[in-house]
N, C-alpha and C. Protein backbone atom coordinates (compact mmCIF):
# COMPACT_ATOMS: atom_id res chain seq x y z
N UNK A 1 4.33 30.94 3.59
CA UNK A 1 4.57 29.55 3.93
C UNK A 1 4.83 28.78 2.64
N UNK A 2 5.84 27.95 2.64
CA UNK A 2 6.20 27.21 1.43
C UNK A 2 5.23 26.05 1.21
N UNK A 3 5.03 25.74 -0.05
CA UNK A 3 4.14 24.65 -0.43
C UNK A 3 4.88 23.33 -0.36
N UNK A 4 4.23 22.32 0.16
CA UNK A 4 4.81 20.98 0.21
C UNK A 4 4.36 20.24 -1.04
N UNK A 5 5.32 19.73 -1.79
CA UNK A 5 4.99 18.98 -3.00
C UNK A 5 4.91 17.50 -2.64
N UNK A 6 3.83 16.86 -3.05
CA UNK A 6 3.65 15.44 -2.81
C UNK A 6 3.96 14.69 -4.08
N UNK A 7 4.65 13.60 -3.96
CA UNK A 7 4.91 12.80 -5.14
C UNK A 7 3.99 11.58 -5.11
N UNK A 8 3.52 11.20 -6.25
CA UNK A 8 2.70 10.01 -6.36
C UNK A 8 3.62 8.82 -6.59
N UNK A 9 3.42 7.79 -5.81
CA UNK A 9 4.27 6.61 -5.92
C UNK A 9 3.65 5.63 -6.89
N UNK A 10 4.40 5.29 -7.90
CA UNK A 10 3.94 4.28 -8.86
C UNK A 10 4.33 2.91 -8.34
N UNK A 11 3.41 2.00 -8.44
CA UNK A 11 3.71 0.64 -7.99
C UNK A 11 4.67 -0.03 -8.97
N UNK A 12 5.71 -0.66 -8.45
CA UNK A 12 6.64 -1.36 -9.34
C UNK A 12 5.98 -2.61 -9.90
N UNK A 13 6.48 -3.12 -11.02
CA UNK A 13 5.94 -4.38 -11.52
C UNK A 13 6.14 -5.45 -10.47
N UNK A 14 5.12 -6.26 -10.27
CA UNK A 14 5.18 -7.25 -9.22
C UNK A 14 5.49 -8.63 -9.79
N UNK A 15 6.42 -9.34 -9.17
CA UNK A 15 6.71 -10.69 -9.63
C UNK A 15 5.54 -11.61 -9.33
N UNK A 16 5.37 -12.65 -10.14
CA UNK A 16 4.25 -13.56 -9.93
C UNK A 16 4.66 -14.77 -9.11
N UNK A 17 5.93 -14.95 -8.88
CA UNK A 17 6.38 -16.09 -8.09
C UNK A 17 7.56 -15.70 -7.23
N UNK A 18 7.66 -16.34 -6.07
CA UNK A 18 8.77 -16.08 -5.17
C UNK A 18 9.99 -16.90 -5.60
N UNK A 19 11.16 -16.57 -5.08
CA UNK A 19 12.36 -17.35 -5.42
C UNK A 19 12.21 -18.83 -5.11
N UNK A 20 11.39 -19.16 -4.12
CA UNK A 20 11.19 -20.56 -3.76
C UNK A 20 10.17 -21.26 -4.65
N UNK A 21 9.59 -20.53 -5.59
CA UNK A 21 8.64 -21.12 -6.53
C UNK A 21 7.18 -20.89 -6.19
N UNK A 22 6.88 -20.37 -5.01
CA UNK A 22 5.48 -20.11 -4.62
C UNK A 22 5.01 -18.76 -5.12
N UNK A 23 3.75 -18.48 -4.90
CA UNK A 23 3.18 -17.20 -5.29
C UNK A 23 3.61 -16.12 -4.30
N UNK A 24 3.96 -14.95 -4.81
CA UNK A 24 4.35 -13.83 -3.96
C UNK A 24 3.09 -13.18 -3.39
N UNK A 25 3.06 -13.01 -2.09
CA UNK A 25 1.95 -12.31 -1.43
C UNK A 25 2.16 -10.81 -1.59
N UNK A 26 1.11 -10.11 -1.98
CA UNK A 26 1.21 -8.66 -2.20
C UNK A 26 0.55 -7.93 -1.05
N UNK A 27 1.27 -6.96 -0.49
CA UNK A 27 0.79 -6.18 0.65
C UNK A 27 0.78 -4.71 0.29
N UNK A 28 -0.36 -4.07 0.51
CA UNK A 28 -0.49 -2.63 0.31
C UNK A 28 -0.24 -1.95 1.64
N UNK A 29 0.78 -1.07 1.69
CA UNK A 29 1.10 -0.30 2.89
C UNK A 29 0.58 1.11 2.68
N UNK A 30 -0.34 1.53 3.55
CA UNK A 30 -0.92 2.87 3.47
C UNK A 30 -0.40 3.67 4.66
N UNK A 31 0.46 4.63 4.37
CA UNK A 31 1.09 5.43 5.42
C UNK A 31 1.59 6.73 4.82
N UNK A 32 1.21 7.86 5.43
CA UNK A 32 1.63 9.15 4.89
C UNK A 32 2.99 9.60 5.42
N UNK A 33 3.53 8.95 6.43
CA UNK A 33 4.86 9.29 6.92
C UNK A 33 5.89 8.45 6.16
N UNK A 34 6.76 9.14 5.43
CA UNK A 34 7.73 8.47 4.57
C UNK A 34 8.62 7.48 5.31
N UNK A 35 9.10 7.87 6.48
CA UNK A 35 10.02 7.00 7.21
C UNK A 35 9.34 5.71 7.68
N UNK A 36 8.13 5.81 8.15
CA UNK A 36 7.39 4.63 8.60
C UNK A 36 7.08 3.71 7.43
N UNK A 37 6.63 4.32 6.32
CA UNK A 37 6.31 3.53 5.12
C UNK A 37 7.56 2.82 4.59
N UNK A 38 8.69 3.52 4.58
CA UNK A 38 9.94 2.92 4.09
C UNK A 38 10.39 1.78 4.99
N UNK A 39 10.24 1.94 6.31
CA UNK A 39 10.63 0.88 7.24
C UNK A 39 9.75 -0.37 7.03
N UNK A 40 8.45 -0.17 6.93
CA UNK A 40 7.54 -1.30 6.70
C UNK A 40 7.87 -2.00 5.38
N UNK A 41 8.11 -1.21 4.34
CA UNK A 41 8.45 -1.79 3.04
C UNK A 41 9.72 -2.63 3.13
N UNK A 42 10.73 -2.11 3.78
CA UNK A 42 12.00 -2.83 3.90
C UNK A 42 11.80 -4.16 4.64
N UNK A 43 11.10 -4.12 5.75
CA UNK A 43 10.87 -5.34 6.54
C UNK A 43 10.08 -6.36 5.73
N UNK A 44 9.04 -5.92 5.06
CA UNK A 44 8.20 -6.84 4.29
C UNK A 44 8.95 -7.43 3.10
N UNK A 45 9.74 -6.60 2.42
CA UNK A 45 10.51 -7.11 1.28
C UNK A 45 11.58 -8.10 1.72
N UNK A 46 12.15 -7.90 2.90
CA UNK A 46 13.12 -8.86 3.43
C UNK A 46 12.46 -10.23 3.68
N UNK A 47 11.16 -10.22 3.89
CA UNK A 47 10.41 -11.47 4.10
C UNK A 47 9.79 -11.96 2.78
N UNK A 48 10.23 -11.41 1.66
CA UNK A 48 9.82 -11.81 0.30
C UNK A 48 8.38 -11.47 -0.07
N UNK A 49 7.84 -10.40 0.54
CA UNK A 49 6.53 -9.91 0.12
C UNK A 49 6.73 -8.85 -0.96
N UNK A 50 5.79 -8.75 -1.88
CA UNK A 50 5.77 -7.66 -2.85
C UNK A 50 4.98 -6.53 -2.18
N UNK A 51 5.52 -5.32 -2.17
CA UNK A 51 4.91 -4.21 -1.44
C UNK A 51 4.40 -3.15 -2.39
N UNK A 52 3.14 -2.82 -2.24
CA UNK A 52 2.52 -1.68 -2.91
C UNK A 52 2.45 -0.56 -1.89
N UNK A 53 2.48 0.69 -2.33
CA UNK A 53 2.47 1.81 -1.40
C UNK A 53 1.40 2.83 -1.77
N UNK A 54 0.82 3.44 -0.74
CA UNK A 54 -0.12 4.55 -0.93
C UNK A 54 0.13 5.57 0.18
N UNK A 55 0.02 6.85 -0.18
CA UNK A 55 0.28 7.92 0.78
C UNK A 55 -0.98 8.40 1.48
N UNK A 56 -2.15 8.15 0.90
CA UNK A 56 -3.39 8.64 1.50
C UNK A 56 -4.54 7.68 1.19
N UNK A 57 -5.69 7.98 1.76
CA UNK A 57 -6.84 7.10 1.62
C UNK A 57 -7.32 6.94 0.19
N UNK A 58 -7.30 8.00 -0.59
CA UNK A 58 -7.76 7.91 -1.98
C UNK A 58 -6.83 7.01 -2.79
N UNK A 59 -5.51 7.22 -2.65
CA UNK A 59 -4.54 6.36 -3.35
C UNK A 59 -4.71 4.90 -2.90
N UNK A 60 -4.95 4.71 -1.61
CA UNK A 60 -5.12 3.35 -1.08
C UNK A 60 -6.32 2.66 -1.72
N UNK A 61 -7.44 3.37 -1.80
CA UNK A 61 -8.64 2.77 -2.38
C UNK A 61 -8.42 2.46 -3.86
N UNK A 62 -7.85 3.42 -4.60
CA UNK A 62 -7.60 3.21 -6.03
C UNK A 62 -6.66 2.02 -6.26
N UNK A 63 -5.61 1.94 -5.45
CA UNK A 63 -4.66 0.84 -5.57
C UNK A 63 -5.31 -0.49 -5.21
N UNK A 64 -6.11 -0.51 -4.17
CA UNK A 64 -6.78 -1.74 -3.75
C UNK A 64 -7.71 -2.26 -4.84
N UNK A 65 -8.42 -1.35 -5.49
CA UNK A 65 -9.33 -1.74 -6.58
C UNK A 65 -8.54 -2.28 -7.76
N UNK A 66 -7.47 -1.60 -8.12
CA UNK A 66 -6.68 -1.97 -9.30
C UNK A 66 -5.84 -3.23 -9.08
N UNK A 67 -5.20 -3.34 -7.92
CA UNK A 67 -4.20 -4.38 -7.69
C UNK A 67 -4.70 -5.58 -6.88
N UNK A 68 -5.80 -5.43 -6.14
CA UNK A 68 -6.34 -6.50 -5.28
C UNK A 68 -5.25 -7.16 -4.44
N UNK A 69 -4.63 -6.40 -3.53
CA UNK A 69 -3.56 -6.97 -2.71
C UNK A 69 -4.10 -8.06 -1.78
N UNK A 70 -3.20 -8.91 -1.31
CA UNK A 70 -3.58 -9.97 -0.39
C UNK A 70 -3.83 -9.44 1.02
N UNK A 71 -3.18 -8.33 1.36
CA UNK A 71 -3.30 -7.74 2.69
C UNK A 71 -3.10 -6.24 2.57
N UNK A 72 -3.83 -5.48 3.38
CA UNK A 72 -3.64 -4.03 3.44
C UNK A 72 -3.26 -3.65 4.86
N UNK A 73 -2.10 -3.00 5.02
CA UNK A 73 -1.70 -2.42 6.29
C UNK A 73 -2.09 -0.96 6.23
N UNK A 74 -3.12 -0.58 6.99
CA UNK A 74 -3.76 0.73 6.84
C UNK A 74 -3.50 1.64 8.03
N UNK A 75 -3.01 2.83 7.73
CA UNK A 75 -2.95 3.92 8.70
C UNK A 75 -4.41 4.31 8.97
N UNK A 76 -4.78 4.51 10.23
CA UNK A 76 -6.18 4.87 10.52
C UNK A 76 -6.52 6.30 10.15
N UNK A 77 -5.52 7.17 10.09
CA UNK A 77 -5.78 8.58 9.80
C UNK A 77 -4.96 9.11 8.64
N UNK A 78 -5.00 8.47 7.47
CA UNK A 78 -4.27 9.04 6.33
C UNK A 78 -5.01 10.27 5.81
N UNK A 79 -4.33 11.12 5.06
CA UNK A 79 -5.00 12.30 4.47
C UNK A 79 -6.12 11.90 3.51
N UNK A 80 -7.07 12.78 3.33
CA UNK A 80 -8.17 12.72 2.37
C UNK A 80 -9.31 11.81 2.77
N UNK A 81 -9.08 10.54 2.99
CA UNK A 81 -10.13 9.60 3.39
C UNK A 81 -9.56 8.76 4.53
N UNK A 82 -10.31 8.63 5.63
CA UNK A 82 -9.77 7.89 6.77
C UNK A 82 -9.69 6.40 6.49
N UNK A 83 -8.83 5.73 7.25
CA UNK A 83 -8.55 4.32 7.05
C UNK A 83 -9.76 3.42 7.23
N UNK A 84 -10.63 3.75 8.17
CA UNK A 84 -11.83 2.93 8.41
C UNK A 84 -12.74 2.97 7.19
N UNK A 85 -12.92 4.15 6.60
CA UNK A 85 -13.77 4.28 5.41
C UNK A 85 -13.18 3.52 4.23
N UNK A 86 -11.87 3.67 4.02
CA UNK A 86 -11.22 2.97 2.91
C UNK A 86 -11.34 1.45 3.09
N UNK A 87 -11.12 0.99 4.32
CA UNK A 87 -11.21 -0.44 4.58
C UNK A 87 -12.62 -0.96 4.34
N UNK A 88 -13.62 -0.23 4.77
CA UNK A 88 -15.01 -0.64 4.56
C UNK A 88 -15.36 -0.69 3.08
N UNK A 89 -14.93 0.34 2.34
CA UNK A 89 -15.19 0.36 0.89
C UNK A 89 -14.43 -0.74 0.18
N UNK A 90 -13.19 -0.99 0.59
CA UNK A 90 -12.36 -2.02 -0.05
C UNK A 90 -12.91 -3.42 0.21
N UNK A 91 -13.55 -3.60 1.33
CA UNK A 91 -14.13 -4.88 1.68
C UNK A 91 -15.27 -5.30 0.75
N UNK A 92 -15.80 -4.33 0.03
CA UNK A 92 -16.90 -4.60 -0.91
C UNK A 92 -16.43 -4.79 -2.34
N UNK A 93 -15.10 -4.96 -2.52
CA UNK A 93 -14.54 -5.04 -3.87
C UNK A 93 -14.92 -6.33 -4.58
N UNK A 94 -14.94 -7.44 -3.89
CA UNK A 94 -15.10 -8.72 -4.56
C UNK A 94 -16.52 -9.19 -4.59
């Protein structure tokens, strides 16, 4: 059986202001299915949100701690750590 290689997604630099002059809202999208994550990212960016991405629960938690997004869209069953656990741990960040 062939091995599946996973790539780690680096978060792009995030702008601090929107084109209209307001603060850009940052959303972390946690989804292990590439097509679903790409669709969510496209829709959110069209609405002028800055999008962070994570493929699994561990990446989601690490990103949430480092980046403190305004909102997290969480898959309930990502690999490694489930979405409920990540959400509960992330809620204790501040």
